[in-house]
PDB file of N, CA and C in Angstrom:
ATOM      1  N   ARG A   1     129.399  61.158  91.628  1.00  0.00           N
ATOM      2  CA  ARG A   1     128.003  60.704  91.617  1.00  0.00           C
ATOM      3  C   ARG A   1     127.166  61.501  92.620  1.00  0.00           C
ATOM      4  N   ASN A   2     127.711  61.709  93.816  1.00  0.00           N
ATOM      5  CA  ASN A   2     126.969  62.469  94.826  1.00  0.00           C
ATOM      6  C   ASN A   2     126.689  63.892  94.369  1.00  0.00           C
ATOM      7  N   ALA A   3     127.671  64.509  93.732  1.00  0.00           N
ATOM      8  CA  ALA A   3     127.484  65.885  93.263  1.00  0.00           C
ATOM      9  C   ALA A   3     126.387  65.943  92.201  1.00  0.00           C
ATOM     10  N   ALA A   4     126.356  64.938  91.339  1.00  0.00           N
ATOM     11  CA  ALA A   4     125.330  64.896  90.296  1.00  0.00           C
ATOM     12  C   ALA A   4     123.947  64.727  90.920  1.00  0.00           C
ATOM     13  N   ARG A   5     123.836  63.847  91.910  1.00  0.00           N
ATOM     14  CA  ARG A   5     122.543  63.629  92.583  1.00  0.00           C
ATOM     15  C   ARG A   5     122.114  64.891  93.324  1.00  0.00           C
ATOM     16  N   ALA A   6     123.072  65.542  93.963  1.00  0.00           N
ATOM     17  CA  ALA A   6     122.757  66.764  94.710  1.00  0.00           C
ATOM     18  C   ALA A   6     122.225  67.838  93.768  1.00  0.00           C
ATOM     19  N   GLU A   7     122.793  67.907  92.582  1.00  0.00           N
ATOM     20  CA  GLU A   7     122.337  68.899  91.608  1.00  0.00           C
ATOM     21  C   GLU A   7     120.910  68.593  91.152  1.00  0.00           C
ATOM     22  N   VAL A   8     120.633  67.329  90.869  1.00  0.00           N
ATOM     23  CA  VAL A   8     119.291  66.919  90.431  1.00  0.00           C
ATOM     24  C   VAL A   8     118.281  67.146  91.556  1.00  0.00           C
ATOM     25  N   ASN A   9     118.654  66.735  92.772  1.00  0.00           N
ATOM     26  CA  ASN A   9     117.750  66.907  93.917  1.00  0.00           C
ATOM     27  C   ASN A   9     117.498  68.384  94.202  1.00  0.00           C
ATOM     28  N   GLY A  10     118.534  69.189  94.100  1.00  0.00           N
ATOM     29  CA  GLY A  10     118.389  70.625  94.327  1.00  0.00           C
ATOM     30  C   GLY A  10     117.453  71.257  93.313  1.00  0.00           C
ATOM     31  N   ALA A  11     117.567  70.811  92.066  1.00  0.00           N
ATOM     32  CA  ALA A  11     116.683  71.326  91.020  1.00  0.00           C
ATOM     33  C   ALA A  11     115.242  70.934  91.305  1.00  0.00           C
ATOM     34  N   ARG A  12     115.026  69.712  91.756  1.00  0.00           N
ATOM     35  CA  ARG A  12     113.666  69.251  92.046  1.00  0.00           C
ATOM     36  C   ARG A  12     113.080  70.026  93.228  1.00  0.00           C
ATOM     37  N   ILE A  13     113.883  70.245  94.262  1.00  0.00           N
ATOM     38  CA  ILE A  13     113.414  71.024  95.415  1.00  0.00           C
ATOM     39  C   ILE A  13     113.068  72.443  94.972  1.00  0.00           C
ATOM     40  N   GLY A  14     113.882  73.002  94.086  1.00  0.00           N
ATOM     41  CA  GLY A  14     113.606  74.336  93.560  1.00  0.00           C
ATOM     42  C   GLY A  14     112.288  74.391  92.811  1.00  0.00           C
ATOM     43  N   ARG A  15     112.016  73.362  91.994  1.00  0.00           N
ATOM     44  CA  ARG A  15     110.742  73.295  91.269  1.00  0.00           C
ATOM     45  C   ARG A  15     109.574  73.233  92.248  1.00  0.00           C
ATOM     46  N   ILE A  16     109.709  72.407  93.273  1.00  0.00           N
ATOM     47  CA  ILE A  16     108.639  72.264  94.269  1.00  0.00           C
ATOM     48  C   ILE A  16     108.377  73.606  94.938  1.00  0.00           C
ATOM     49  N   ARG A  17     109.445  74.268  95.376  1.00  0.00           N
ATOM     50  CA  ARG A  17     109.294  75.568  96.046  1.00  0.00           C
ATOM     51  C   ARG A  17     108.614  76.584  95.132  1.00  0.00           C
ATOM     52  N   THR A  18     109.002  76.583  93.864  1.00  0.00           N
ATOM     53  CA  THR A  18     108.426  77.524  92.904  1.00  0.00           C
ATOM     54  C   THR A  18     106.924  77.322  92.781  1.00  0.00           C
ATOM     55  N   PHE A  19     106.493  76.070  92.635  1.00  0.00           N
ATOM     56  CA  PHE A  19     105.069  75.794  92.461  1.00  0.00           C
ATOM     57  C   PHE A  19     104.284  76.076  93.737  1.00  0.00           C
ATOM     58  N   VAL A  20     104.878  75.795  94.890  1.00  0.00           N
ATOM     59  CA  VAL A  20     104.204  76.094  96.161  1.00  0.00           C
ATOM     60  C   VAL A  20     104.059  77.606  96.321  1.00  0.00           C
ATOM     61  N   LYS A  21     105.091  78.355  95.929  1.00  0.00           N
ATOM     62  CA  LYS A  21     105.026  79.822  96.012  1.00  0.00           C
ATOM     63  C   LYS A  21     103.925  80.381  95.118  1.00  0.00           C
ATOM     64  N   LYS A  22     103.709  79.760  93.956  1.00  0.00           N
ATOM     65  CA  LYS A  22     102.645  80.217  93.062  1.00  0.00           C
ATOM     66  C   LYS A  22     101.281  80.032  93.716  1.00  0.00           C
ATOM     67  N   VAL A  23     101.097  78.918  94.415  1.00  0.00           N
ATOM     68  CA  VAL A  23      99.836  78.682  95.133  1.00  0.00           C
ATOM     69  C   VAL A  23      99.685  79.733  96.229  1.00  0.00           C
ATOM     70  N   GLU A  24     100.753  79.954  96.998  1.00  0.00           N
ATOM     71  CA  GLU A  24     100.693  80.915  98.104  1.00  0.00           C
ATOM     72  C   GLU A  24     100.450  82.338  97.597  1.00  0.00           C
ATOM     73  N   ALA A  25     101.033  82.683  96.456  1.00  0.00           N
ATOM     74  CA  ALA A  25     100.814  84.017  95.889  1.00  0.00           C
ATOM     75  C   ALA A  25      99.345  84.203  95.526  1.00  0.00           C
ATOM     76  N   ALA A  26      98.742  83.184  94.929  1.00  0.00           N
ATOM     77  CA  ALA A  26      97.321  83.260  94.574  1.00  0.00           C
ATOM     78  C   ALA A  26      96.458  83.341  95.831  1.00  0.00           C
ATOM     79  N   LEU A  27      96.860  82.627  96.875  1.00  0.00           N
ATOM     80  CA  LEU A  27      96.117  82.669  98.138  1.00  0.00           C
ATOM     81  C   LEU A  27      96.197  84.058  98.765  1.00  0.00           C
ATOM     82  N   ASN A  28      97.373  84.659  98.733  1.00  0.00           N
ATOM     83  CA  ASN A  28      97.552  85.981  99.339  1.00  0.00           C
ATOM     84  C   ASN A  28      96.729  87.051  98.634  1.00  0.00           C
ATOM     85  N   VAL A  29      96.550  86.890  97.323  1.00  0.00           N
ATOM     86  CA  VAL A  29      95.735  87.829  96.556  1.00  0.00           C
ATOM     87  C   VAL A  29      94.247  87.544  96.783  1.00  0.00           C
ATOM     88  N   GLY A  30      93.934  86.285  97.103  1.00  0.00           N
ATOM     89  CA  GLY A  30      92.539  85.898  97.323  1.00  0.00           C
ATOM     90  C   GLY A  30      91.876  85.351  96.075  1.00  0.00           C
ATOM     91  N   ASP A  31      92.675  84.930  95.100  1.00  0.00           N
ATOM     92  CA  ASP A  31      92.152  84.400  93.836  1.00  0.00           C
ATOM     93  C   ASP A  31      92.023  82.879  93.942  1.00  0.00           C
ATOM     94  N   LYS A  32      90.814  82.422  94.233  1.00  0.00           N
ATOM     95  CA  LYS A  32      90.588  80.996  94.469  1.00  0.00           C
ATOM     96  C   LYS A  32      90.828  80.163  93.209  1.00  0.00           C
ATOM     97  N   ASP A  33      90.376  80.650  92.055  1.00  0.00           N
ATOM     98  CA  ASP A  33      90.543  79.899  90.805  1.00  0.00           C
ATOM     99  C   ASP A  33      92.021  79.720  90.457  1.00  0.00           C
ATOM    100  N   ALA A  34      92.792  80.786  90.599  1.00  0.00           N
ATOM    101  CA  ALA A  34      94.227  80.708  90.312  1.00  0.00           C
ATOM    102  C   ALA A  34      94.921  79.789  91.312  1.00  0.00           C
ATOM    103  N   ALA A  35      94.489  79.844  92.569  1.00  0.00           N
ATOM    104  CA  ALA A  35      95.076  78.986  93.600  1.00  0.00           C
ATOM    105  C   ALA A  35      94.796  77.518  93.294  1.00  0.00           C
ATOM    106  N   GLN A  36      93.578  77.218  92.866  1.00  0.00           N
ATOM    107  CA  GLN A  36      93.229  75.834  92.535  1.00  0.00           C
ATOM    108  C   GLN A  36      94.013  75.347  91.323  1.00  0.00           C
ATOM    109  N   ALA A  37      94.170  76.210  90.331  1.00  0.00           N
ATOM    110  CA  ALA A  37      94.936  75.841  89.137  1.00  0.00           C
ATOM    111  C   ALA A  37      96.399  75.592  89.493  1.00  0.00           C
ATOM    112  N   ALA A  38      96.966  76.447  90.333  1.00  0.00           N
ATOM    113  CA  ALA A  38      98.361  76.281  90.757  1.00  0.00           C
ATOM    114  C   ALA A  38      98.517  75.031  91.612  1.00  0.00           C
ATOM    115  N   MET A  39      97.493  74.727  92.403  1.00  0.00           N
ATOM    116  CA  MET A  39      97.535  73.548  93.273  1.00  0.00           C
ATOM    117  C   MET A  39      97.545  72.266  92.445  1.00  0.00           C
ATOM    118  N   LYS A  40      96.841  72.269  91.306  1.00  0.00           N
ATOM    119  CA  LYS A  40      96.821  71.090  90.432  1.00  0.00           C
ATOM    120  C   LYS A  40      98.215  70.777  89.899  1.00  0.00           C
ATOM    121  N   ILE A  41      99.055  71.785  89.797  1.00  0.00           N
ATOM    122  CA  ILE A  41     100.428  71.588  89.330  1.00  0.00           C
ATOM    123  C   ILE A  41     101.345  71.269  90.508  1.00  0.00           C
ATOM    124  N   ALA A  42     101.129  71.932  91.638  1.00  0.00           N
ATOM    125  CA  ALA A  42     102.016  71.780  92.795  1.00  0.00           C
ATOM    126  C   ALA A  42     101.868  70.416  93.463  1.00  0.00           C
ATOM    127  N   GLU A  43     100.641  69.911  93.538  1.00  0.00           N
ATOM    128  CA  GLU A  43     100.409  68.653  94.258  1.00  0.00           C
ATOM    129  C   GLU A  43     101.189  67.478  93.668  1.00  0.00           C
ATOM    130  N   PRO A  44     101.160  67.262  92.339  1.00  0.00           N
ATOM    131  CA  PRO A  44     101.959  66.167  91.782  1.00  0.00           C
ATOM    132  C   PRO A  44     103.466  66.370  91.964  1.00  0.00           C
ATOM    133  N   GLU A  45     103.909  67.625  91.941  1.00  0.00           N
ATOM    134  CA  GLU A  45     105.334  67.900  92.162  1.00  0.00           C
ATOM    135  C   GLU A  45     105.741  67.484  93.574  1.00  0.00           C
ATOM    136  N   LEU A  46     104.903  67.817  94.548  1.00  0.00           N
ATOM    137  CA  LEU A  46     105.182  67.428  95.934  1.00  0.00           C
ATOM    138  C   LEU A  46     105.173  65.907  96.073  1.00  0.00           C
ATOM    139  N   ALA A  47     104.200  65.257  95.450  1.00  0.00           N
ATOM    140  CA  ALA A  47     104.097  63.797  95.524  1.00  0.00           C
ATOM    141  C   ALA A  47     105.321  63.140  94.892  1.00  0.00           C
ATOM    142  N   ARG A  48     105.752  63.683  93.768  1.00  0.00           N
ATOM    143  CA  ARG A  48     106.920  63.124  93.080  1.00  0.00           C
ATOM    144  C   ARG A  48     108.184  63.333  93.913  1.00  0.00           C
ATOM    145  N   GLY A  49     108.289  64.483  94.544  1.00  0.00           N
ATOM    146  CA  GLY A  49     109.433  64.735  95.415  1.00  0.00           C
ATOM    147  C   GLY A  49     109.488  63.748  96.566  1.00  0.00           C
ATOM    148  N   ALA A  50     108.327  63.430  97.121  1.00  0.00           N
ATOM    149  CA  ALA A  50     108.268  62.459  98.216  1.00  0.00           C
ATOM    150  C   ALA A  50     108.620  61.065  97.706  1.00  0.00           C
ATOM    151  N   GLN A  51     108.122  60.734  96.534  1.00  0.00           N
ATOM    152  CA  GLN A  51     108.375  59.414  95.953  1.00  0.00           C
ATOM    153  C   GLN A  51     109.863  59.204  95.675  1.00  0.00           C
ATOM    154  N   LEU A  52     110.539  60.264  95.259  1.00  0.00           N
ATOM    155  CA  LEU A  52     111.962  60.167  94.923  1.00  0.00           C
ATOM    156  C   LEU A  52     112.875  60.357  96.134  1.00  0.00           C
ATOM    157  N   GLY A  53     112.286  60.669  97.288  1.00  0.00           N
ATOM    158  CA  GLY A  53     113.089  60.797  98.500  1.00  0.00           C
ATOM    159  C   GLY A  53     113.685  62.173  98.707  1.00  0.00           C
ATOM    160  N   VAL A  54     113.244  63.151  97.920  1.00  0.00           N
ATOM    161  CA  VAL A  54     113.739  64.515  98.084  1.00  0.00           C
ATOM    162  C   VAL A  54     113.067  65.153  99.300  1.00  0.00           C
ATOM    163  N   LEU A  55     111.794  64.828  99.490  1.00  0.00           N
ATOM    164  CA  LEU A  55     111.027  65.255 100.665  1.00  0.00           C
ATOM    165  C   LEU A  55     110.548  64.011 101.394  1.00  0.00           C
ATOM    166  N   HIS A  56     110.391  64.123 102.700  1.00  0.00           N
ATOM    167  CA  HIS A  56     109.762  63.031 103.437  1.00  0.00           C
ATOM    168  C   HIS A  56     108.292  62.991 103.046  1.00  0.00           C
ATOM    169  N   LYS A  57     107.713  61.792 102.965  1.00  0.00           N
ATOM    170  CA  LYS A  57     106.329  61.682 102.491  1.00  0.00           C
ATOM    171  C   LYS A  57     105.354  62.419 103.395  1.00  0.00           C
ATOM    172  N   ASN A  58     105.622  62.426 104.699  1.00  0.00           N
ATOM    173  CA  ASN A  58     104.725  63.141 105.617  1.00  0.00           C
ATOM    174  C   ASN A  58     104.832  64.655 105.436  1.00  0.00           C
ATOM    175  N   THR A  59     106.024  65.127 105.114  1.00  0.00           N
ATOM    176  CA  THR A  59     106.219  66.558 104.864  1.00  0.00           C
ATOM    177  C   THR A  59     105.426  66.976 103.631  1.00  0.00           C
ATOM    178  N   ALA A  60     105.520  66.179 102.584  1.00  0.00           N
ATOM    179  CA  ALA A  60     104.779  66.483 101.354  1.00  0.00           C
ATOM    180  C   ALA A  60     103.279  66.459 101.624  1.00  0.00           C
ATOM    181  N   ALA A  61     102.817  65.457 102.358  1.00  0.00           N
ATOM    182  CA  ALA A  61     101.391  65.339 102.670  1.00  0.00           C
ATOM    183  C   ALA A  61     100.922  66.523 103.506  1.00  0.00           C
ATOM    184  N   ARG A  62     101.748  66.945 104.452  1.00  0.00           N
ATOM    185  CA  ARG A  62     101.394  68.086 105.308  1.00  0.00           C
ATOM    186  C   ARG A  62     101.274  69.366 104.487  1.00  0.00           C
ATOM    187  N   LYS A  63     102.226  69.575 103.575  1.00  0.00           N
ATOM    188  CA  LYS A  63     102.187  70.777 102.738  1.00  0.00           C
ATOM    189  C   LYS A  63     100.937  70.787 101.857  1.00  0.00           C
ATOM    190  N   VAL A  64     100.625  69.650 101.243  1.00  0.00           N
ATOM    191  CA  VAL A  64      99.434  69.551 100.392  1.00  0.00           C
ATOM    192  C   VAL A  64      98.185  69.817 101.215  1.00  0.00           C
ATOM    193  N   SER A  65      98.120  69.211 102.392  1.00  0.00           N
ATOM    194  CA  SER A  65      96.950  69.352 103.255  1.00  0.00           C
ATOM    195  C   SER A  65      96.737  70.796 103.681  1.00  0.00           C
ATOM    196  N   ARG A  66      97.803  71.453 104.081  1.00  0.00           N
ATOM    197  CA  ARG A  66      97.683  72.837 104.559  1.00  0.00           C
ATOM    198  C   ARG A  66      97.320  73.796 103.429  1.00  0.00           C
ATOM    199  N   LEU A  67      97.900  73.573 102.255  1.00  0.00           N
ATOM    200  CA  LEU A  67      97.551  74.420 101.115  1.00  0.00           C
ATOM    201  C   LEU A  67      96.090  74.208 100.718  1.00  0.00           C
ATOM    202  N   ALA A  68      95.654  72.944 100.703  1.00  0.00           N
ATOM    203  CA  ALA A  68      94.267  72.640 100.338  1.00  0.00           C
ATOM    204  C   ALA A  68      93.296  73.266 101.330  1.00  0.00           C
ATOM    205  N   ALA A  69      93.646  73.236 102.608  1.00  0.00           N
ATOM    206  CA  ALA A  69      92.785  73.831 103.636  1.00  0.00           C
ATOM    207  C   ALA A  69      92.684  75.339 103.443  1.00  0.00           C
ATOM    208  N   ARG A  70      93.804  75.973 103.081  1.00  0.00           N
ATOM    209  CA  ARG A  70      93.787  77.425 102.856  1.00  0.00           C
ATOM    210  C   ARG A  70      92.956  77.782 101.622  1.00  0.00           C
ATOM    211  N   ILE A  71      93.024  76.937 100.590  1.00  0.00           N
ATOM    212  CA  ILE A  71      92.214  77.182  99.392  1.00  0.00           C
ATOM    213  C   ILE A  71      90.734  77.032  99.727  1.00  0.00           C
ATOM    214  N   LYS A  72      90.419  76.005 100.488  1.00  0.00           N
ATOM    215  CA  LYS A  72      89.024  75.749 100.859  1.00  0.00           C
ATOM    216  C   LYS A  72      88.456  76.894 101.693  1.00  0.00           C
ATOM    217  N   ALA A  73      89.298  77.525 102.494  1.00  0.00           N
ATOM    218  CA  ALA A  73      88.852  78.605 103.382  1.00  0.00           C
ATOM    219  C   ALA A  73      88.554  79.906 102.626  1.00  0.00           C
ATOM    220  N   LEU A  74      89.036  80.021 101.379  1.00  0.00           N
ATOM    221  CA  LEU A  74      88.795  81.255 100.606  1.00  0.00           C
ATOM    222  C   LEU A  74      87.316  81.436 100.297  1.00  0.00           C
TER     223      LEU A  74
END
């Protein structure tokens, strides 16, 4: 059971990282529209990860907040 949960949790963490990287890639290029579009996908993934206990809720909130601040600064 633990191995199965670890596999599911690992997959979810991988999805979260992928979507966060897409936001960061758009930010590094300076494409605000692409960053906002990627953020619309990444934010629910982070929230779901926190809800399921894969991420601590404060960690998810911090990541969302920092990404949103970087998008706003563009």
